[in-house]
Structures are given as C-alpha cells and as structure tokens.
Amino acid sequence: MNYTKYIVIPAFLALAGCGTVRDAREAQKGEFLIPGERIVSYSETILATNATPTVAELEDIALAASPVAMQAREAVIAAQIAVRDAKAAYIPTIDASAGYTWKTSNVDPHNQSSHLDDTMNVGATLNMLVYDFGRSRAAKRQAAAALVAAERGARATENATRYNVRTACYALKRSIELREVAAESAAIYAEHLSQMQDRYNVGAVNSYAVTKAKVDWAQSVLAAVTASNNVHTARAALNLALGLGDAPEFEVEDGGIATYEGLGVTELMDIARTNSPALASLRASAEGASFYVDRTIADLYPSLGVSIQYTAAGESSPLLWNLVAGPALSQSVFCAGRKRRAIEAAVSQLRIARSKVAAEELSLNNRITTAVLAAVRASQQLDVARQNQQMAEENFDIVSKRYEVGKASELERSDAQVALSQAKASVVSSKYDYYDSQILISQLIGE
C-alpha cells in the first residue's frame, strides 16, 4: 500500500526552515565573518585609497569595523526577533505527526508461522490562544520597549565610537605638533651648545657653561624622543578606536568640530534630555519594566484557548480519521505565592529602572557642568598662551636685532628662542585642551 501522500505534506513542513538552518550552520563554520566578528584589514577601508581622510570618514570606518558597534547592531536584531515572537502569541500553532507500525502476531506456540500487521498513523493538532487577559499584549509592549532600548543603546554605542575616534584623531594631531616643537627646541639647544663650545675655545666662558649647555641639550633630545614616542602611541590609540590592527601612518584632515560657546549648563542639559541616547535607552527600559508589571498581573488570570486535533490510522487506504475540537481554560490553582512574588519583584525592577533614569540625569548634569567649566578654562588658557607666544615672538625679534649689531650675546638669543618654543608648546596644548572639551560636550549631549 502507498502511504506517500500522507508523508509529503509533513515532510514539506519540516523542510520549511532549511534556509534558516543553512544560514545558522554557515555562521557556525565562521568561514565568512562579517566586520566586527573579525579584525578589519587596512586594505578593506578607504585608507588604502585616501591618503588624507577626514575625521568624519574615520568615524564611518570605525562604525563599520568596531566589534562593540557590531554587537550593538546584533542586539537590535535580537530585540526585533523578540518583538516578532511576542506578536505571534495569537497566531495558531500546528503540530503534525506521522508513524508507521509493523508487528507480528503469533498465537500458536507449536506453529511458528507469523501473522504480520502494519499500520499507518497520521495526526495534526491546531492550538490557538483566544484570550489571556492582557498577558500577550503586555508582552508585546515589553518587547517593543526593549527594542527601543536596544536601538537607543546602539546609538549610544555609535556616539561613543565617534567620540573615541575624534579624541584619538586630535590626540594624534596634538602629539605631532608637540613633536615638531620639541624638535625645534632640541635644535636650538644644539646650536646653543655649539656656541658655548666656541666661546670656551677662545676663553670667553668657563667649562661650567659648556657642561650646562650639554645637560640642557641632552634633556631637550630626551624630550624630543618622548614626543616622538607619543606620536606612535597616539597612532596605536587611533588604530584601536578605528578597529584596525595594521594601519600604516597617515595624515588626518581637520574637518573642524562643533563648538558650544555661549551655551550654559541648563541649555546643554535640555539638549541632552532630548538627544542623549544613553538616557533614552534607560527611559525605554523603564517603560518596558512597567509593561512587565502588567504581564505579571495578567498571570493571575486564566488563559482561554481552542484546540483542534485530527488523527487518521489504518491498515489500508483510505485511513480512518477522527476530529476532536474544543475550548480549554487553563490556570494554576496553587503555586505557593509565586505569582504574587513575581508582581512584587516586577514592581521592584520598575523602581530600579526609574532610579537609573534619575541617576543618569544627575550624572549627565555633573559631567556637563565639569565639561563646561573645563571648556571655559581651556578657552582662557588658550587666549593667555597666544598672548605669551606673541610676546615671545616680539622678544625674539628684539634680541635677534640686538644680536646682529653685537649688543646681545648668543646665550640671550638662545634663551629667547627657547622661550618662544615653550610658548608655542603652550599654545598647542591649550588649543587641543579646548578641542577636547568641545568634543566631550558634543558626546554628552548626544550630538
């Protein structure tokens, strides 16, 4: 007898998820890892064709290559799947089964001949939830709130990634400029040492002046080496922020940064309450905790469902079939207070979630206040440093003119050069301190 027609449909349903399974197996093999699952190589980025990328372009590279950013994106995908699962609560489910039985029936111990029986069994059960007093609705709302929290969390990760790239870029620029100033200072001390040696040879100075010039020169060389090492360290930090492990040296084009002069803590805090992704994520989590309270309360009530069962069995075709259908009301009669304790725990989680929102607002206010004060101080320091550099340049010009007519010594001219180099270094440090303060404000308010 041919039972093929009773097996084709269940087999087709069983194979319906093969595409998903195939994708899952490919992911397990790890032969084709996406960026973030692996370290992105330099050749895969625009750096291979763009020798001078902008800060914004480097931010895009980091967002594509960063493992942390990839994890945040996958968390959003997982939350989206959870929403679809929650929405499927009222969609009927169908369970199918098929079996074949072959047996012998021996009735005479003296006669070992057997009687063979074979039976085909086919069954299907449809289960559908009709009403559960808001439990599924609360689960859907909770899943939707979790999705919003995941999306805001991903944006917070993106914001942090951009901030790390910006700070790393400007730290590299700072170290390069300071290296140039240190090299200039070392050259000045080398010239000063040469001058002292010449003066010592003609008896104009004693050996102490030469020794001191050598010490000053050695210290300036050490400072130049340290400044050069700082450049390499800054490049390594930038590669880390980009998610790259093998990027060679490249220049970064300064595309400018947003500044927030004139905005006080109150105005910036108002922007942060609207734009801060971390704060928005915590608010969504608090809303989800509220929906979870609804869900635990709904667990106190029964669930109403409908079940329809179809079975067919027999030794020949057509098989004998039966159909059973009816509603079902399910509810736990006694659970030792678990449901009541679940409600109390859900309320506690809700209060904790709301408290995290309040704590984040307090933390944001404190960090913004600190950042604004640092920005004001850095701006004032930059003004003072520029004035000092201007005065050092004027002093160097005066001493140089006096030196040309023999009214100033080589030592006076070298001292003026050193003072000018130090003033330039102060301008560089103050300038990038100001940039750092503005970048931090931008990150705190979610821009």
Protein backbone atom coordinates (compact mmCIF):
# COMPACT_ATOMS: atom_id res chain seq x y z
CA MET A 1 0.00 0.00 0.00
CA ASN A 2 1.22 3.53 -0.83
CA TYR A 3 1.43 6.00 2.07
CA THR A 4 3.40 8.64 0.17
CA LYS A 5 0.60 11.16 0.13
CA TYR A 6 0.39 11.04 3.93
CA ILE A 7 4.10 11.80 4.31
CA VAL A 8 4.73 14.50 1.67
CA ILE A 9 2.98 17.38 3.44
CA PRO A 10 4.56 16.80 6.90
CA ALA A 11 7.95 16.39 5.25
CA PHE A 12 7.47 19.65 3.34
CA LEU A 13 6.58 21.48 6.55
CA ALA A 14 9.62 20.02 8.29
CA LEU A 15 11.90 21.28 5.50
CA ALA A 16 10.44 24.80 5.51
CA GLY A 17 13.13 26.07 7.89
CA CYS A 18 16.08 24.64 5.96
CA GLY A 19 17.20 28.07 4.72
CA THR A 20 17.46 29.39 8.26
CA VAL A 21 19.27 26.28 9.41
CA ARG A 22 21.69 26.55 6.48
CA ASP A 23 22.48 30.17 7.40
CA ALA A 24 22.97 29.14 11.03
CA ARG A 25 25.41 26.41 10.02
CA GLU A 26 27.34 28.85 7.84
CA ALA A 27 27.59 31.23 10.79
CA GLN A 28 28.88 28.38 12.96
CA LYS A 29 31.58 27.48 10.45
CA GLY A 30 32.96 31.02 10.58
CA GLU A 31 34.33 30.91 7.04
CA PHE A 32 32.81 34.26 6.09
CA LEU A 33 32.99 36.52 9.14
CA ILE A 34 31.48 39.96 8.90
CA PRO A 35 33.39 43.06 10.08
CA GLY A 36 33.22 43.15 13.85
CA GLU A 37 33.42 39.37 14.11
CA ARG A 38 36.97 39.74 12.90
CA ILE A 39 39.60 42.48 12.76
CA VAL A 40 39.16 44.53 9.59
CA SER A 41 42.29 44.87 7.47
CA TYR A 42 43.66 48.17 6.24
CA SER A 43 43.09 47.19 2.58
CA GLU A 44 39.32 46.91 3.17
CA THR A 45 38.96 50.57 4.13
CA ILE A 46 39.11 53.86 2.26
CA LEU A 47 42.50 54.45 3.88
CA ALA A 48 44.02 52.26 1.18
CA THR A 49 43.00 54.80 -1.48
CA ASN A 50 42.66 58.01 0.55
CA ALA A 51 45.96 59.19 1.98
CA THR A 52 44.39 62.06 3.95
CA PRO A 53 40.94 61.06 5.30
CA THR A 54 38.75 63.40 7.26
CA VAL A 55 37.71 62.76 10.84
CA ALA A 56 34.16 62.02 9.65
CA GLU A 57 35.44 59.37 7.22
CA LEU A 58 37.44 57.75 10.01
CA GLU A 59 34.31 57.70 12.16
CA ASP A 60 32.48 55.78 9.42
CA ILE A 61 35.35 53.27 9.25
CA ALA A 62 35.16 52.73 13.00
CA LEU A 63 31.40 52.20 12.94
CA ALA A 64 31.80 49.53 10.26
CA ALA A 65 34.81 47.79 11.86
CA SER A 66 34.26 48.15 15.61
CA PRO A 67 33.34 44.87 17.37
CA VAL A 68 31.44 46.85 20.01
CA ALA A 69 29.33 48.62 17.36
CA MET A 70 28.65 45.28 15.66
CA GLN A 71 27.49 43.79 18.97
CA ALA A 72 25.08 46.70 19.45
CA ARG A 73 23.64 46.16 15.95
CA GLU A 74 23.16 42.45 16.62
CA ALA A 75 21.43 43.30 19.90
CA VAL A 76 18.92 45.33 17.89
CA ILE A 77 18.33 42.36 15.58
CA ALA A 78 17.74 40.09 18.59
CA ALA A 79 15.25 42.62 20.01
CA GLN A 80 13.43 42.75 16.65
CA ILE A 81 13.12 38.96 16.68
CA ALA A 82 11.74 39.12 20.24
CA VAL A 83 9.08 41.59 19.07
CA ARG A 84 8.04 39.23 16.27
CA ASP A 85 7.86 36.36 18.77
CA ALA A 86 5.65 38.41 21.09
CA LYS A 87 3.33 39.37 18.23
CA ALA A 88 2.95 35.69 17.29
CA ALA A 89 1.14 34.83 20.54
CA TYR A 90 -2.32 34.84 18.89
CA ILE A 91 -1.18 33.08 15.72
CA PRO A 92 -2.32 29.43 15.75
CA THR A 93 0.33 26.72 16.00
CA ILE A 94 0.11 23.38 14.22
CA ASP A 95 1.84 20.19 15.33
CA ALA A 96 1.98 17.29 12.89
CA SER A 97 2.98 13.66 13.35
CA ALA A 98 3.25 10.58 11.14
CA GLY A 99 4.15 6.99 12.05
CA TYR A 100 4.28 3.51 10.68
CA THR A 101 3.98 0.34 12.79
CA TRP A 102 4.97 -3.17 11.68
CA LYS A 103 4.39 -6.10 14.07
CA THR A 104 3.95 -9.87 14.23
CA SER A 105 1.08 -11.70 15.95
CA ASN A 106 1.97 -15.34 16.93
CA VAL A 107 -0.92 -17.26 18.55
CA ASP A 108 0.19 -20.97 18.41
CA PRO A 109 3.42 -21.93 20.21
CA HIS A 110 3.68 -25.18 18.13
CA ASN A 111 3.22 -23.34 14.86
CA GLN A 112 5.88 -20.65 14.45
CA SER A 113 4.23 -19.10 11.42
CA SER A 114 3.62 -15.40 11.97
CA HIS A 115 0.82 -13.05 11.19
CA LEU A 116 2.14 -9.64 10.07
CA ASP A 117 0.28 -6.37 10.76
CA ASP A 118 1.25 -2.88 9.55
CA THR A 119 -0.48 0.33 10.49
CA MET A 120 -0.11 3.91 9.31
CA ASN A 121 -0.78 6.80 11.75
CA VAL A 122 -1.13 10.46 10.75
CA GLY A 123 -2.10 13.31 13.08
CA ALA A 124 -2.27 17.09 13.31
CA THR A 125 -3.16 19.40 16.18
CA LEU A 126 -4.06 23.08 15.92
CA ASN A 127 -3.75 25.19 19.08
CA MET A 128 -4.89 28.80 19.22
CA LEU A 129 -4.90 31.30 22.06
CA VAL A 130 -8.20 33.17 22.25
CA TYR A 131 -7.80 35.46 25.26
CA ASP A 132 -5.32 35.74 28.13
CA PHE A 133 -6.47 38.90 29.97
CA GLY A 134 -3.75 41.17 28.56
CA ARG A 135 -0.75 38.91 29.11
CA SER A 136 0.23 38.79 25.43
CA ARG A 137 -0.49 42.50 24.96
CA ALA A 138 1.82 43.34 27.85
CA ALA A 139 4.49 41.01 26.45
CA LYS A 140 4.31 42.76 23.07
CA ARG A 141 4.63 46.17 24.68
CA GLN A 142 7.52 44.99 26.80
CA ALA A 143 9.30 43.58 23.73
CA ALA A 144 8.68 46.81 21.80
CA ALA A 145 10.14 48.85 24.68
CA ALA A 146 13.15 46.52 24.76
CA LEU A 147 13.62 47.10 21.03
CA VAL A 148 13.57 50.86 21.56
CA ALA A 149 16.10 50.46 24.37
CA ALA A 150 18.33 48.35 22.11
CA GLU A 151 18.10 50.90 19.29
CA ARG A 152 18.96 53.75 21.65
CA GLY A 153 21.74 51.63 23.11
CA ALA A 154 23.13 51.08 19.62
CA ARG A 155 23.03 54.82 19.03
CA ALA A 156 24.83 55.38 22.34
CA THR A 157 27.50 52.93 21.20
CA GLU A 158 27.74 54.75 17.89
CA ASN A 159 28.06 58.04 19.76
CA ALA A 160 30.83 56.62 21.96
CA THR A 161 32.62 55.20 18.92
CA ARG A 162 32.58 58.57 17.18
CA TYR A 163 33.81 60.25 20.36
CA ASN A 164 36.71 57.79 20.68
CA VAL A 165 37.75 58.40 17.07
CA ARG A 166 37.55 62.19 17.43
CA THR A 167 39.59 62.26 20.63
CA ALA A 168 42.14 59.86 19.13
CA CYS A 169 42.46 61.98 15.98
CA TYR A 170 43.04 65.19 17.88
CA ALA A 171 45.37 63.44 20.32
CA LEU A 172 47.43 62.39 17.29
CA LYS A 173 47.41 65.94 15.94
CA ARG A 174 48.46 67.28 19.34
CA SER A 175 51.36 64.83 19.61
CA ILE A 176 52.56 65.63 16.07
CA GLU A 177 52.60 69.38 16.73
CA LEU A 178 54.31 68.91 20.09
CA ARG A 179 56.89 66.69 18.40
CA GLU A 180 57.67 69.49 15.96
CA VAL A 181 58.04 71.97 18.80
CA ALA A 182 60.29 69.55 20.72
CA ALA A 183 62.48 69.01 17.64
CA GLU A 184 62.77 72.78 17.19
CA SER A 185 63.74 73.16 20.85
CA ALA A 186 66.36 70.41 20.56
CA ALA A 187 67.87 72.16 17.53
CA ILE A 188 68.06 75.41 19.49
CA TYR A 189 69.86 73.74 22.41
CA ALA A 190 72.23 72.04 19.97
CA GLU A 191 73.08 75.43 18.48
CA HIS A 192 73.49 76.87 21.96
CA LEU A 193 75.90 74.06 22.88
CA SER A 194 77.95 74.75 19.76
CA GLN A 195 78.11 78.43 20.65
CA MET A 196 79.24 77.69 24.21
CA GLN A 197 81.91 75.34 22.93
CA ASP A 198 83.22 78.01 20.55
CA ARG A 199 83.27 80.62 23.31
CA TYR A 200 85.03 78.20 25.65
CA ASN A 201 87.70 77.58 22.99
CA VAL A 202 88.52 81.29 22.88
CA GLY A 203 88.38 81.63 26.68
CA ALA A 204 85.17 83.68 26.80
CA VAL A 205 83.37 81.26 29.18
CA ASN A 206 84.43 78.62 31.65
CA SER A 207 83.88 74.87 31.44
CA TYR A 208 80.70 75.06 33.59
CA ALA A 209 78.87 76.95 30.83
CA VAL A 210 79.77 74.19 28.36
CA THR A 211 78.70 71.46 30.79
CA LYS A 212 75.38 73.17 31.47
CA ALA A 213 74.80 73.58 27.73
CA LYS A 214 75.44 69.84 27.27
CA VAL A 215 72.96 68.97 30.01
CA ASP A 216 70.32 71.26 28.52
CA TRP A 217 70.90 69.77 25.09
CA ALA A 218 70.65 66.18 26.41
CA GLN A 219 67.38 66.98 28.18
CA SER A 220 65.96 68.55 25.01
CA VAL A 221 66.92 65.45 22.99
CA LEU A 222 65.18 63.25 25.58
CA ALA A 223 62.08 65.46 25.37
CA ALA A 224 62.14 65.14 21.57
CA VAL A 225 62.39 61.34 21.80
CA THR A 226 59.49 61.28 24.26
CA ALA A 227 57.42 63.48 21.96
CA SER A 228 58.18 61.14 19.03
CA ASN A 229 57.13 58.11 21.08
CA ASN A 230 53.92 59.92 21.98
CA VAL A 231 53.11 60.14 18.27
CA HIS A 232 53.47 56.38 17.87
CA THR A 233 51.33 55.81 20.97
CA ALA A 234 48.66 58.15 19.62
CA ARG A 235 48.65 56.30 16.28
CA ALA A 236 48.16 52.99 18.10
CA ALA A 237 45.27 54.51 20.07
CA LEU A 238 43.71 55.73 16.82
CA ASN A 239 44.02 52.26 15.26
CA LEU A 240 42.28 50.83 18.32
CA ALA A 241 39.47 53.38 18.04
CA LEU A 242 39.12 52.52 14.34
CA GLY A 243 39.08 48.78 14.98
CA LEU A 244 42.13 48.28 12.76
CA GLY A 245 45.25 46.37 13.65
CA ASP A 246 47.59 47.06 10.76
CA ALA A 247 47.01 50.64 9.60
CA PRO A 248 50.21 52.42 8.48
CA GLU A 249 50.93 56.07 9.16
CA PHE A 250 48.55 58.51 7.52
CA GLU A 251 47.63 62.15 7.90
CA VAL A 252 44.22 63.21 9.19
CA GLU A 253 42.45 66.15 7.60
CA ASP A 254 40.99 68.53 10.17
CA GLY A 255 37.35 68.97 9.23
CA GLY A 256 36.57 71.15 12.25
CA ILE A 257 34.50 70.44 15.34
CA ALA A 258 31.27 71.82 16.72
CA THR A 259 31.69 74.40 19.48
CA TYR A 260 29.21 75.29 22.21
CA GLU A 261 30.38 78.69 23.40
CA GLY A 262 27.56 80.75 24.80
CA LEU A 263 25.55 77.72 25.93
CA GLY A 264 25.33 77.18 29.66
CA VAL A 265 24.74 74.02 31.64
CA THR A 266 20.95 74.50 31.62
CA GLU A 267 20.74 74.85 27.84
CA LEU A 268 23.08 71.92 27.24
CA MET A 269 21.18 69.77 29.72
CA ASP A 270 17.93 70.48 27.88
CA ILE A 271 19.56 69.26 24.66
CA ALA A 272 20.89 66.16 26.44
CA ARG A 273 17.44 65.24 27.79
CA THR A 274 16.21 65.12 24.20
CA ASN A 275 19.26 63.78 22.35
CA SER A 276 21.23 61.63 24.77
CA PRO A 277 20.88 58.02 23.51
CA ALA A 278 22.00 56.55 26.83
CA LEU A 279 19.27 58.43 28.67
CA ALA A 280 16.70 57.46 26.02
CA SER A 281 17.70 53.80 26.33
CA LEU A 282 17.19 53.87 30.10
CA ARG A 283 13.78 55.51 29.67
CA ALA A 284 12.73 52.78 27.24
CA SER A 285 13.93 50.15 29.71
CA ALA A 286 11.83 51.79 32.44
CA GLU A 287 8.79 51.71 30.15
CA GLY A 288 9.45 48.04 29.45
CA ALA A 289 9.64 47.38 33.20
CA SER A 290 6.20 48.97 33.55
CA PHE A 291 4.79 46.66 30.87
CA TYR A 292 6.38 43.72 32.68
CA VAL A 293 4.33 44.64 35.75
CA ASP A 294 1.22 44.38 33.55
CA ARG A 295 2.40 40.98 32.36
CA THR A 296 2.90 39.60 35.88
CA ILE A 297 -0.54 40.88 36.95
CA ALA A 298 -2.12 39.23 33.90
CA ASP A 299 -0.59 35.93 35.02
CA LEU A 300 -3.14 35.92 37.85
CA TYR A 301 -5.90 35.26 35.32
CA PRO A 302 -6.54 32.14 33.21
CA SER A 303 -5.88 31.68 29.51
CA LEU A 304 -8.60 30.67 27.07
CA GLY A 305 -7.62 28.65 24.03
CA VAL A 306 -9.01 26.38 21.33
CA SER A 307 -7.55 23.01 20.31
CA ILE A 308 -8.47 21.08 17.15
CA GLN A 309 -6.99 17.60 16.71
CA TYR A 310 -7.12 15.45 13.58
CA THR A 311 -5.99 11.81 13.57
CA ALA A 312 -6.00 9.14 10.89
CA ALA A 313 -4.95 5.48 11.21
CA GLY A 314 -5.47 2.18 9.48
CA GLU A 315 -4.02 -0.72 7.54
CA SER A 316 -5.26 0.31 4.11
CA SER A 317 -6.11 3.41 2.16
CA PRO A 318 -8.20 5.39 2.85
CA LEU A 319 -7.32 5.65 6.54
CA LEU A 320 -9.96 6.00 9.20
CA TRP A 321 -9.96 9.56 10.51
CA ASN A 322 -11.31 11.36 13.56
CA LEU A 323 -11.63 15.02 14.50
CA VAL A 324 -11.67 16.41 18.06
CA ALA A 325 -12.19 20.10 18.87
CA GLY A 326 -12.97 22.15 21.93
CA PRO A 327 -12.06 25.15 24.09
CA ALA A 328 -9.65 24.94 27.00
CA LEU A 329 -9.34 27.18 30.07
CA SER A 330 -6.03 26.88 31.91
CA GLN A 331 -4.96 28.39 35.21
CA SER A 332 -2.64 27.49 38.06
CA VAL A 333 -4.73 26.79 41.14
CA PHE A 334 -1.91 26.79 43.66
CA CYS A 335 1.69 27.94 43.12
CA ALA A 336 2.86 28.75 46.66
CA GLY A 337 2.63 32.53 46.16
CA ARG A 338 4.97 32.64 43.17
CA LYS A 339 2.72 34.90 41.12
CA ARG A 340 2.30 37.39 43.95
CA ARG A 341 6.06 37.46 44.49
CA ALA A 342 6.58 37.88 40.74
CA ILE A 343 4.42 41.02 40.85
CA GLU A 344 6.37 42.39 43.81
CA ALA A 345 9.68 41.67 42.03
CA ALA A 346 8.40 43.36 38.85
CA VAL A 347 7.48 46.48 40.82
CA SER A 348 10.95 46.49 42.38
CA GLN A 349 12.51 46.22 38.91
CA LEU A 350 10.34 49.11 37.74
CA ARG A 351 11.53 51.30 40.60
CA ILE A 352 15.15 50.37 39.87
CA ALA A 353 14.69 51.21 36.18
CA ARG A 354 13.23 54.62 37.01
CA SER A 355 16.03 55.21 39.50
CA LYS A 356 18.60 54.50 36.75
CA VAL A 357 17.00 57.24 34.65
CA ALA A 358 17.27 59.68 37.53
CA ALA A 359 20.87 58.62 38.22
CA GLU A 360 21.81 59.12 34.57
CA GLU A 361 20.30 62.62 34.57
CA LEU A 362 22.28 63.51 37.69
CA SER A 363 25.45 62.08 36.17
CA LEU A 364 24.86 63.92 32.90
CA ASN A 365 24.33 67.20 34.73
CA ASN A 366 27.55 66.71 36.69
CA ARG A 367 29.61 65.75 33.63
CA ILE A 368 28.20 68.60 31.54
CA THR A 369 28.95 71.08 34.32
CA THR A 370 32.51 69.81 34.57
CA ALA A 371 32.92 69.88 30.79
CA VAL A 372 31.62 73.45 30.53
CA LEU A 373 33.99 74.63 33.26
CA ALA A 374 36.87 72.83 31.54
CA ALA A 375 35.92 74.47 28.24
CA VAL A 376 35.89 77.93 29.81
CA ARG A 377 39.26 77.33 31.47
CA ALA A 378 40.76 75.91 28.24
CA SER A 379 39.49 78.91 26.26
CA GLN A 380 41.02 81.33 28.73
CA GLN A 381 44.30 79.38 28.78
CA LEU A 382 44.39 79.45 25.00
CA ASP A 383 43.98 83.23 24.98
CA VAL A 384 46.78 83.64 27.51
CA ALA A 385 49.03 81.18 25.65
CA ARG A 386 48.55 83.06 22.37
CA GLN A 387 49.38 86.35 24.07
CA ASN A 388 52.52 84.78 25.56
CA GLN A 389 53.53 83.46 22.15
CA GLN A 390 53.07 86.89 20.62
CA MET A 391 55.23 88.45 23.32
CA ALA A 392 57.85 85.71 22.94
CA GLU A 393 57.97 86.34 19.18
CA GLU A 394 58.40 90.07 19.75
CA ASN A 395 61.12 89.43 22.34
CA PHE A 396 62.94 87.07 19.97
CA ASP A 397 62.81 89.67 17.18
CA ILE A 398 64.26 92.35 19.51
CA VAL A 399 67.03 90.08 20.81
CA SER A 400 67.87 88.92 17.27
CA LYS A 401 68.27 92.51 16.08
CA ARG A 402 70.44 93.33 19.08
CA TYR A 403 72.47 90.18 18.43
CA GLU A 404 73.07 91.23 14.83
CA VAL A 405 74.65 94.50 15.97
CA GLY A 406 76.62 92.86 18.79
CA LYS A 407 74.52 94.16 21.68
CA ALA A 408 73.16 90.74 22.70
CA SER A 409 75.04 87.53 23.38
CA GLU A 410 74.46 84.09 21.89
CA LEU A 411 73.07 83.00 25.24
CA GLU A 412 70.46 85.76 25.25
CA ARG A 413 69.44 84.87 21.72
CA SER A 414 69.20 81.13 22.60
CA ASP A 415 67.17 81.89 25.70
CA ALA A 416 64.75 83.92 23.60
CA GLN A 417 64.45 81.04 21.14
CA VAL A 418 63.76 78.57 23.97
CA ALA A 419 61.11 80.88 25.44
CA LEU A 420 59.44 81.09 22.03
CA SER A 421 59.44 77.27 21.66
CA GLN A 422 57.89 76.86 25.10
CA ALA A 423 55.25 79.45 24.26
CA LYS A 424 54.41 77.54 21.05
CA ALA A 425 54.10 74.30 23.02
CA SER A 426 51.72 76.01 25.46
CA VAL A 427 49.55 77.20 22.56
CA VAL A 428 49.41 73.67 21.13
CA SER A 429 48.44 72.13 24.47
CA SER A 430 45.84 74.80 25.25
CA LYS A 431 44.34 74.56 21.76
CA TYR A 432 43.82 70.81 21.97
CA ASP A 433 42.60 71.04 25.56
CA TYR A 434 39.88 73.32 24.21
CA TYR A 435 39.10 70.93 21.36
CA ASP A 436 38.85 68.02 23.79
CA SER A 437 36.39 69.94 25.97
CA GLN A 438 34.14 70.68 22.98
CA ILE A 439 34.28 67.06 21.76
CA LEU A 440 33.30 65.88 25.24
CA ILE A 441 30.32 68.25 25.37
CA SER A 442 29.21 67.00 21.97
CA GLN A 443 29.34 63.41 23.16
CA LEU A 444 27.50 64.13 26.41
CA ILE A 445 24.55 65.85 24.72
CA GLY A 446 24.30 63.17 22.03
CA GLU A 447 25.43 65.16 19.01
